[in-house]
Amino acid sequence: MDISEETFIANLGVHIRQLREKKGLSQQDLANDCDIPKTQIGRIERAEINTTVKTLVKIANALDVEPKELLNFPLK
């Protein structure tokens, strides 16, 4: 299967937003828990940036999921 980087990053952002909303967290709540700016959370969710693994681990910890869960989403 061949997927573009842009498609993968877009799907990742959607998945993170879904997990965040499922936990009842705002972007600000998640940003506070991750100790990163709220604008960065928004840019990740909108696929405007290709975030680092380090940030993904922070997000996973804040969402109380394994880091691999962030990458476990259907490709669209």
N, C-alpha and C. Protein backbone atom coordinates (compact mmCIF):
# COMPACT_ATOMS: atom_id res chain seq x y z
N MET A 1 0.84 -1.17 0.00
CA MET A 1 0.00 0.00 0.00
C MET A 1 0.88 1.24 0.00
N ASP A 2 0.51 2.18 -0.82
CA ASP A 2 1.28 3.42 -0.95
C ASP A 2 0.43 4.58 -0.45
N ILE A 3 0.94 5.32 0.51
CA ILE A 3 0.21 6.46 1.06
C ILE A 3 1.15 7.66 1.09
N SER A 4 0.61 8.82 0.77
CA SER A 4 1.44 10.02 0.78
C SER A 4 1.66 10.48 2.22
N GLU A 5 2.74 11.19 2.42
CA GLU A 5 3.04 11.74 3.74
C GLU A 5 1.93 12.69 4.18
N GLU A 6 1.42 13.48 3.25
CA GLU A 6 0.38 14.44 3.58
C GLU A 6 -0.89 13.74 4.06
N THR A 7 -1.25 12.65 3.39
CA THR A 7 -2.44 11.89 3.79
C THR A 7 -2.25 11.29 5.17
N PHE A 8 -1.08 10.73 5.42
CA PHE A 8 -0.81 10.12 6.73
C PHE A 8 -0.89 11.17 7.83
N ILE A 9 -0.26 12.32 7.63
CA ILE A 9 -0.26 13.38 8.64
C ILE A 9 -1.67 13.91 8.86
N ALA A 10 -2.46 14.02 7.80
CA ALA A 10 -3.85 14.47 7.94
C ALA A 10 -4.66 13.47 8.76
N ASN A 11 -4.51 12.18 8.46
CA ASN A 11 -5.22 11.14 9.21
C ASN A 11 -4.78 11.11 10.67
N LEU A 12 -3.50 11.31 10.91
CA LEU A 12 -2.98 11.35 12.28
C LEU A 12 -3.63 12.50 13.05
N GLY A 13 -3.71 13.66 12.44
CA GLY A 13 -4.32 14.81 13.10
C GLY A 13 -5.78 14.59 13.44
N VAL A 14 -6.51 13.99 12.53
CA VAL A 14 -7.92 13.68 12.77
C VAL A 14 -8.04 12.69 13.93
N HIS A 15 -7.19 11.69 13.94
CA HIS A 15 -7.24 10.67 15.00
C HIS A 15 -6.92 11.27 16.36
N ILE A 16 -5.93 12.12 16.43
CA ILE A 16 -5.58 12.77 17.70
C ILE A 16 -6.75 13.62 18.18
N ARG A 17 -7.38 14.37 17.27
CA ARG A 17 -8.54 15.18 17.65
C ARG A 17 -9.66 14.29 18.19
N GLN A 18 -9.92 13.17 17.52
CA GLN A 18 -10.98 12.26 17.97
C GLN A 18 -10.67 11.70 19.36
N LEU A 19 -9.43 11.30 19.60
CA LEU A 19 -9.05 10.79 20.92
C LEU A 19 -9.18 11.87 21.99
N ARG A 20 -8.77 13.09 21.63
CA ARG A 20 -8.85 14.22 22.58
C ARG A 20 -10.31 14.49 22.94
N GLU A 21 -11.15 14.55 21.93
CA GLU A 21 -12.57 14.84 22.17
C GLU A 21 -13.24 13.71 22.95
N LYS A 22 -12.85 12.48 22.67
CA LYS A 22 -13.40 11.32 23.40
C LYS A 22 -13.08 11.41 24.89
N LYS A 23 -11.91 11.98 25.21
CA LYS A 23 -11.52 12.17 26.61
C LYS A 23 -12.14 13.43 27.22
N GLY A 24 -12.85 14.20 26.39
CA GLY A 24 -13.48 15.41 26.88
C GLY A 24 -12.50 16.55 27.13
N LEU A 25 -11.41 16.54 26.41
CA LEU A 25 -10.37 17.57 26.59
C LEU A 25 -10.46 18.63 25.49
N SER A 26 -10.23 19.86 25.87
CA SER A 26 -10.09 20.92 24.87
C SER A 26 -8.64 20.90 24.36
N GLN A 27 -8.40 21.64 23.30
CA GLN A 27 -7.01 21.75 22.83
C GLN A 27 -6.13 22.36 23.92
N GLN A 28 -6.68 23.32 24.67
CA GLN A 28 -5.91 23.94 25.74
C GLN A 28 -5.59 22.94 26.84
N ASP A 29 -6.57 22.11 27.22
CA ASP A 29 -6.33 21.08 28.23
C ASP A 29 -5.19 20.15 27.80
N LEU A 30 -5.26 19.68 26.56
CA LEU A 30 -4.23 18.77 26.06
C LEU A 30 -2.88 19.47 26.01
N ALA A 31 -2.87 20.69 25.55
CA ALA A 31 -1.62 21.45 25.49
C ALA A 31 -1.00 21.60 26.88
N ASN A 32 -1.84 21.92 27.86
CA ASN A 32 -1.35 22.06 29.24
C ASN A 32 -0.77 20.75 29.74
N ASP A 33 -1.46 19.64 29.47
CA ASP A 33 -0.99 18.33 29.92
C ASP A 33 0.31 17.92 29.24
N CYS A 34 0.52 18.40 28.02
CA CYS A 34 1.72 18.06 27.25
C CYS A 34 2.85 19.07 27.44
N ASP A 35 2.52 20.20 28.06
CA ASP A 35 3.47 21.30 28.20
C ASP A 35 3.98 21.79 26.85
N ILE A 36 3.03 21.95 25.93
CA ILE A 36 3.33 22.54 24.62
C ILE A 36 2.25 23.58 24.32
N PRO A 37 2.51 24.50 23.40
CA PRO A 37 1.53 25.54 23.11
C PRO A 37 0.25 24.98 22.49
N LYS A 38 -0.87 25.61 22.81
CA LYS A 38 -2.17 25.22 22.24
C LYS A 38 -2.13 25.33 20.72
N THR A 39 -1.45 26.32 20.22
CA THR A 39 -1.37 26.49 18.77
C THR A 39 -0.72 25.28 18.10
N GLN A 40 0.21 24.65 18.80
CA GLN A 40 0.87 23.47 18.24
C GLN A 40 -0.11 22.30 18.15
N ILE A 41 -0.96 22.13 19.16
CA ILE A 41 -1.98 21.08 19.11
C ILE A 41 -2.89 21.32 17.91
N GLY A 42 -3.33 22.54 17.73
CA GLY A 42 -4.20 22.87 16.60
C GLY A 42 -3.52 22.60 15.27
N ARG A 43 -2.26 22.95 15.17
CA ARG A 43 -1.53 22.74 13.91
C ARG A 43 -1.33 21.25 13.63
N ILE A 44 -1.15 20.46 14.67
CA ILE A 44 -1.03 19.00 14.50
C ILE A 44 -2.36 18.44 14.02
N GLU A 45 -3.44 18.84 14.68
CA GLU A 45 -4.77 18.32 14.32
C GLU A 45 -5.19 18.74 12.91
N ARG A 46 -4.74 19.90 12.46
CA ARG A 46 -5.08 20.38 11.11
C ARG A 46 -4.05 19.95 10.06
N ALA A 47 -3.08 19.15 10.47
CA ALA A 47 -2.04 18.63 9.57
C ALA A 47 -1.20 19.74 8.95
N GLU A 48 -0.99 20.80 9.70
CA GLU A 48 -0.17 21.91 9.20
C GLU A 48 1.31 21.69 9.49
N ILE A 49 1.61 20.78 10.43
CA ILE A 49 3.00 20.49 10.75
C ILE A 49 3.21 18.98 10.86
N ASN A 50 4.43 18.58 10.62
CA ASN A 50 4.84 17.19 10.81
C ASN A 50 5.53 17.16 12.17
N THR A 51 4.81 16.69 13.17
CA THR A 51 5.31 16.76 14.54
C THR A 51 6.37 15.71 14.82
N THR A 52 7.05 15.87 15.92
CA THR A 52 8.12 14.95 16.29
C THR A 52 7.58 13.76 17.08
N VAL A 53 8.37 12.72 17.12
CA VAL A 53 8.03 11.55 17.93
C VAL A 53 7.96 11.95 19.40
N LYS A 54 8.83 12.83 19.82
CA LYS A 54 8.85 13.30 21.20
C LYS A 54 7.50 13.93 21.57
N THR A 55 6.95 14.74 20.69
CA THR A 55 5.66 15.36 20.94
C THR A 55 4.55 14.32 20.91
N LEU A 56 4.63 13.35 20.01
CA LEU A 56 3.62 12.29 19.96
C LEU A 56 3.60 11.50 21.27
N VAL A 57 4.75 11.26 21.85
CA VAL A 57 4.81 10.55 23.14
C VAL A 57 4.14 11.40 24.23
N LYS A 58 4.39 12.69 24.23
CA LYS A 58 3.74 13.58 25.20
C LYS A 58 2.22 13.54 25.04
N ILE A 59 1.76 13.57 23.79
CA ILE A 59 0.32 13.53 23.53
C ILE A 59 -0.26 12.20 23.98
N ALA A 60 0.41 11.11 23.66
CA ALA A 60 -0.07 9.79 24.08
C ALA A 60 -0.18 9.71 25.59
N ASN A 61 0.83 10.19 26.29
CA ASN A 61 0.80 10.17 27.75
C ASN A 61 -0.36 11.00 28.29
N ALA A 62 -0.57 12.16 27.71
CA ALA A 62 -1.66 13.04 28.16
C ALA A 62 -3.03 12.43 27.89
N LEU A 63 -3.14 11.65 26.80
CA LEU A 63 -4.41 11.01 26.45
C LEU A 63 -4.55 9.64 27.11
N ASP A 64 -3.52 9.24 27.84
CA ASP A 64 -3.51 7.96 28.56
C ASP A 64 -3.69 6.77 27.60
N VAL A 65 -2.93 6.83 26.49
CA VAL A 65 -2.90 5.73 25.54
C VAL A 65 -1.44 5.39 25.23
N GLU A 66 -1.23 4.19 24.73
CA GLU A 66 0.10 3.81 24.27
C GLU A 66 0.44 4.65 23.04
N PRO A 67 1.70 5.05 22.86
CA PRO A 67 2.06 5.83 21.67
C PRO A 67 1.64 5.16 20.36
N LYS A 68 1.70 3.83 20.32
CA LYS A 68 1.31 3.14 19.09
C LYS A 68 -0.16 3.35 18.76
N GLU A 69 -0.99 3.63 19.77
CA GLU A 69 -2.42 3.87 19.54
C GLU A 69 -2.63 5.13 18.70
N LEU A 70 -1.74 6.10 18.81
CA LEU A 70 -1.87 7.32 18.01
C LEU A 70 -1.74 7.01 16.52
N LEU A 71 -1.01 5.94 16.20
CA LEU A 71 -0.78 5.59 14.80
C LEU A 71 -1.73 4.51 14.30
N ASN A 72 -2.64 4.10 15.15
CA ASN A 72 -3.57 3.01 14.81
C ASN A 72 -4.90 3.62 14.35
N PHE A 73 -4.96 3.99 13.07
CA PHE A 73 -6.17 4.60 12.53
C PHE A 73 -6.35 4.13 11.09
N PRO A 74 -7.59 4.12 10.61
CA PRO A 74 -7.83 3.73 9.21
C PRO A 74 -7.32 4.82 8.29
N LEU A 75 -6.72 4.42 7.20
CA LEU A 75 -6.22 5.38 6.22
C LEU A 75 -7.33 5.73 5.25
N LYS A 76 -7.51 7.04 5.05
CA LYS A 76 -8.57 7.52 4.15
C LYS A 76 -7.96 8.33 3.05
